Each structure stands twice: as structure tokens, then as C-alpha cells.
Amino acid sequence: MGQCYYNETIGFFYNNSGKELSSHWRPKDVVVVALGLTVSVLVLLTNLLVIAAIASNRRFHQPIYYLLGNLAAADLF
């Protein structure tokens, strides 16, 4: 059997894959993280808005809207 590498860092495995793990952020990395965070916050806010609308409006107290609220809650998790 081969050697066990259970106590190595993630950098060890990443560098052995043939890709270079950089210690500084490139502009491309900053843009990707910023866009990802923006989309994530937008999704969280819209799901909270859907849940709040269903909970506060009596017109939305029907089974189909409860399904929609459950989908929004599942998306939050």
C-alpha cells in the first residue's frame, strides 16, 4: 500500500495536482468572490422577503403559498 498523507495541509495536495496555490489574491479572484457574495446576499434577501410576505399577508395563507414558503426556507438552508 501507499503512504498515508492524513496530516498534510490542503496546499500540499493542491500543489501536487499540478496547479499552483498562490498566497495573494489576483484581481480575477477578487471579482469572483465579490460577485459570489453579491448573488448570495441577493438570494438570501429575496428568500426572506418571500417568507415574510407569506407570513404577514392573509391572502397568501393557502397550501400553494405554504409550498412556496417551504421552498424559500429550504433555499435558505
N, C-alpha and C. Protein backbone atom coordinates (compact mmCIF):
# COMPACT_ATOMS: atom_id res chain seq x y z
N MET A 1 0.83 -1.18 0.00
CA MET A 1 0.00 0.00 0.00
C MET A 1 0.88 1.26 0.00
N GLY A 2 0.25 2.36 -0.38
CA GLY A 2 0.96 3.63 -0.43
C GLY A 2 1.04 4.30 0.93
N GLN A 3 1.69 5.41 0.95
CA GLN A 3 1.85 6.18 2.17
C GLN A 3 0.58 6.98 2.47
N CYS A 4 0.26 7.15 3.74
CA CYS A 4 -0.92 7.91 4.15
C CYS A 4 -0.53 9.36 4.40
N TYR A 5 -1.29 10.28 3.81
CA TYR A 5 -0.99 11.71 3.93
C TYR A 5 -2.05 12.43 4.76
N TYR A 6 -2.50 11.83 5.83
CA TYR A 6 -3.61 12.40 6.59
C TYR A 6 -3.26 13.68 7.34
N ASN A 7 -2.02 13.94 7.59
CA ASN A 7 -1.66 15.13 8.37
C ASN A 7 -1.01 16.22 7.51
N GLU A 8 -1.26 16.18 6.20
CA GLU A 8 -0.73 17.21 5.31
C GLU A 8 -1.74 18.34 5.15
N THR A 9 -1.27 19.49 4.73
CA THR A 9 -2.14 20.64 4.52
C THR A 9 -2.82 20.56 3.15
N ILE A 10 -3.83 21.42 2.96
CA ILE A 10 -4.52 21.46 1.67
C ILE A 10 -3.55 21.92 0.58
N GLY A 11 -2.66 22.81 0.93
CA GLY A 11 -1.67 23.28 -0.04
C GLY A 11 -0.81 22.16 -0.60
N PHE A 12 -0.49 21.19 0.23
CA PHE A 12 0.29 20.03 -0.22
C PHE A 12 -0.42 19.30 -1.35
N PHE A 13 -1.71 19.02 -1.16
CA PHE A 13 -2.47 18.28 -2.16
C PHE A 13 -2.72 19.13 -3.41
N TYR A 14 -2.99 20.41 -3.21
CA TYR A 14 -3.25 21.29 -4.35
C TYR A 14 -2.00 21.45 -5.20
N ASN A 15 -0.85 21.64 -4.57
CA ASN A 15 0.39 21.79 -5.33
C ASN A 15 0.80 20.50 -6.02
N ASN A 16 0.44 19.35 -5.46
CA ASN A 16 0.75 18.07 -6.10
C ASN A 16 -0.18 17.77 -7.27
N SER A 17 -1.25 18.52 -7.41
CA SER A 17 -2.17 18.30 -8.53
C SER A 17 -1.68 18.97 -9.82
N GLY A 18 -0.60 19.70 -9.74
CA GLY A 18 -0.06 20.37 -10.92
C GLY A 18 -0.47 21.82 -11.02
N LYS A 19 -1.29 22.30 -10.09
CA LYS A 19 -1.70 23.70 -10.08
C LYS A 19 -0.95 24.41 -8.97
N GLU A 20 -0.77 25.68 -9.15
CA GLU A 20 -0.04 26.48 -8.16
C GLU A 20 -1.02 27.17 -7.21
N LEU A 21 -0.79 27.04 -5.93
CA LEU A 21 -1.61 27.69 -4.92
C LEU A 21 -0.92 28.99 -4.52
N SER A 22 -1.57 30.10 -4.84
CA SER A 22 -0.98 31.41 -4.60
C SER A 22 -1.39 31.92 -3.22
N SER A 23 -0.51 32.67 -2.59
CA SER A 23 -0.80 33.23 -1.27
C SER A 23 -1.42 34.62 -1.36
N HIS A 24 -1.46 35.23 -2.54
CA HIS A 24 -2.06 36.56 -2.70
C HIS A 24 -3.23 36.47 -3.68
N TRP A 25 -4.14 37.42 -3.59
CA TRP A 25 -5.34 37.44 -4.42
C TRP A 25 -5.08 38.21 -5.70
N ARG A 26 -5.43 37.60 -6.81
CA ARG A 26 -5.36 38.28 -8.10
C ARG A 26 -6.65 39.08 -8.29
N PRO A 27 -6.66 40.04 -9.20
CA PRO A 27 -7.90 40.80 -9.44
C PRO A 27 -9.08 39.91 -9.86
N LYS A 28 -8.79 38.85 -10.61
CA LYS A 28 -9.83 37.92 -11.02
C LYS A 28 -10.46 37.23 -9.80
N ASP A 29 -9.64 36.87 -8.82
CA ASP A 29 -10.15 36.23 -7.61
C ASP A 29 -11.07 37.17 -6.83
N VAL A 30 -10.70 38.43 -6.75
CA VAL A 30 -11.50 39.42 -6.03
C VAL A 30 -12.85 39.60 -6.72
N VAL A 31 -12.86 39.65 -8.05
CA VAL A 31 -14.10 39.82 -8.80
C VAL A 31 -15.01 38.62 -8.60
N VAL A 32 -14.46 37.40 -8.66
CA VAL A 32 -15.27 36.20 -8.49
C VAL A 32 -15.87 36.13 -7.10
N VAL A 33 -15.10 36.44 -6.08
CA VAL A 33 -15.60 36.41 -4.71
C VAL A 33 -16.65 37.51 -4.50
N ALA A 34 -16.41 38.70 -5.03
CA ALA A 34 -17.37 39.80 -4.89
C ALA A 34 -18.69 39.48 -5.57
N LEU A 35 -18.64 38.92 -6.77
CA LEU A 35 -19.87 38.54 -7.46
C LEU A 35 -20.60 37.42 -6.74
N GLY A 36 -19.86 36.45 -6.24
CA GLY A 36 -20.46 35.36 -5.49
C GLY A 36 -21.15 35.84 -4.23
N LEU A 37 -20.50 36.72 -3.49
CA LEU A 37 -21.11 37.27 -2.27
C LEU A 37 -22.33 38.11 -2.60
N THR A 38 -22.27 38.88 -3.67
CA THR A 38 -23.41 39.71 -4.07
C THR A 38 -24.61 38.85 -4.41
N VAL A 39 -24.40 37.82 -5.20
CA VAL A 39 -25.50 36.93 -5.57
C VAL A 39 -26.04 36.20 -4.34
N SER A 40 -25.17 35.76 -3.46
CA SER A 40 -25.60 35.06 -2.25
C SER A 40 -26.46 35.95 -1.35
N VAL A 41 -26.04 37.18 -1.16
CA VAL A 41 -26.81 38.12 -0.33
C VAL A 41 -28.15 38.42 -0.99
N LEU A 42 -28.16 38.58 -2.30
CA LEU A 42 -29.41 38.84 -3.01
C LEU A 42 -30.38 37.67 -2.86
N VAL A 43 -29.89 36.44 -2.98
CA VAL A 43 -30.75 35.26 -2.83
C VAL A 43 -31.28 35.17 -1.40
N LEU A 44 -30.44 35.43 -0.41
CA LEU A 44 -30.90 35.40 0.98
C LEU A 44 -32.00 36.43 1.23
N LEU A 45 -31.79 37.64 0.74
CA LEU A 45 -32.78 38.69 0.96
C LEU A 45 -34.10 38.39 0.26
N THR A 46 -34.04 37.88 -0.96
CA THR A 46 -35.28 37.59 -1.67
C THR A 46 -36.03 36.43 -1.02
N ASN A 47 -35.32 35.43 -0.53
CA ASN A 47 -35.99 34.33 0.17
C ASN A 47 -36.63 34.81 1.47
N LEU A 48 -35.94 35.68 2.19
CA LEU A 48 -36.53 36.24 3.42
C LEU A 48 -37.76 37.09 3.10
N LEU A 49 -37.70 37.80 1.99
CA LEU A 49 -38.84 38.62 1.58
C LEU A 49 -40.04 37.75 1.23
N VAL A 50 -39.83 36.64 0.56
CA VAL A 50 -40.92 35.72 0.22
C VAL A 50 -41.53 35.15 1.49
N ILE A 51 -40.70 34.72 2.43
CA ILE A 51 -41.21 34.15 3.68
C ILE A 51 -41.97 35.20 4.47
N ALA A 52 -41.45 36.42 4.53
CA ALA A 52 -42.13 37.49 5.26
C ALA A 52 -43.46 37.84 4.62
N ALA A 53 -43.52 37.86 3.29
CA ALA A 53 -44.78 38.18 2.60
C ALA A 53 -45.83 37.10 2.86
N ILE A 54 -45.43 35.84 2.85
CA ILE A 54 -46.38 34.76 3.09
C ILE A 54 -46.86 34.77 4.54
N ALA A 55 -45.95 35.05 5.46
CA ALA A 55 -46.32 35.06 6.88
C ALA A 55 -47.21 36.25 7.23
N SER A 56 -47.01 37.39 6.59
CA SER A 56 -47.72 38.60 7.00
C SER A 56 -49.04 38.84 6.26
N ASN A 57 -49.21 38.28 5.09
CA ASN A 57 -50.39 38.56 4.29
C ASN A 57 -51.37 37.39 4.36
N ARG A 58 -52.58 37.64 4.81
CA ARG A 58 -53.57 36.57 4.97
C ARG A 58 -54.00 35.98 3.62
N ARG A 59 -53.88 36.76 2.57
CA ARG A 59 -54.23 36.26 1.24
C ARG A 59 -53.33 35.11 0.80
N PHE A 60 -52.13 35.06 1.35
CA PHE A 60 -51.16 34.04 0.97
C PHE A 60 -51.20 32.82 1.89
N HIS A 61 -52.25 32.66 2.68
CA HIS A 61 -52.36 31.51 3.58
C HIS A 61 -53.15 30.39 2.91
N GLN A 62 -52.63 29.92 1.79
CA GLN A 62 -53.21 28.81 1.05
C GLN A 62 -52.10 27.78 0.84
N PRO A 63 -52.46 26.52 0.60
CA PRO A 63 -51.43 25.47 0.51
C PRO A 63 -50.33 25.75 -0.52
N ILE A 64 -50.67 26.32 -1.66
CA ILE A 64 -49.64 26.56 -2.67
C ILE A 64 -48.61 27.58 -2.18
N TYR A 65 -49.05 28.55 -1.40
CA TYR A 65 -48.12 29.54 -0.87
C TYR A 65 -47.27 28.97 0.26
N TYR A 66 -47.85 28.01 1.01
CA TYR A 66 -47.03 27.32 2.02
C TYR A 66 -45.93 26.51 1.36
N LEU A 67 -46.25 25.90 0.21
CA LEU A 67 -45.23 25.19 -0.55
C LEU A 67 -44.13 26.15 -1.01
N LEU A 68 -44.54 27.31 -1.49
CA LEU A 68 -43.58 28.32 -1.92
C LEU A 68 -42.71 28.79 -0.75
N GLY A 69 -43.35 28.97 0.41
CA GLY A 69 -42.59 29.36 1.61
C GLY A 69 -41.61 28.29 2.04
N ASN A 70 -42.03 27.02 1.93
CA ASN A 70 -41.13 25.92 2.28
C ASN A 70 -39.94 25.85 1.31
N LEU A 71 -40.19 26.12 0.04
CA LEU A 71 -39.10 26.15 -0.93
C LEU A 71 -38.12 27.29 -0.62
N ALA A 72 -38.66 28.43 -0.23
CA ALA A 72 -37.78 29.57 0.12
C ALA A 72 -36.99 29.25 1.37
N ALA A 73 -37.63 28.59 2.35
CA ALA A 73 -36.90 28.23 3.58
C ALA A 73 -35.82 27.19 3.28
N ALA A 74 -36.14 26.22 2.42
CA ALA A 74 -35.13 25.21 2.06
C ALA A 74 -33.97 25.86 1.31
N ASP A 75 -34.24 26.85 0.51
CA ASP A 75 -33.18 27.55 -0.21
C ASP A 75 -32.30 28.33 0.75
N LEU A 76 -32.87 28.80 1.85
CA LEU A 76 -32.04 29.49 2.84
C LEU A 76 -31.04 28.54 3.49
N PHE A 77 -31.48 27.33 3.72
CA PHE A 77 -30.60 26.36 4.37
C PHE A 77 -29.65 25.73 3.37
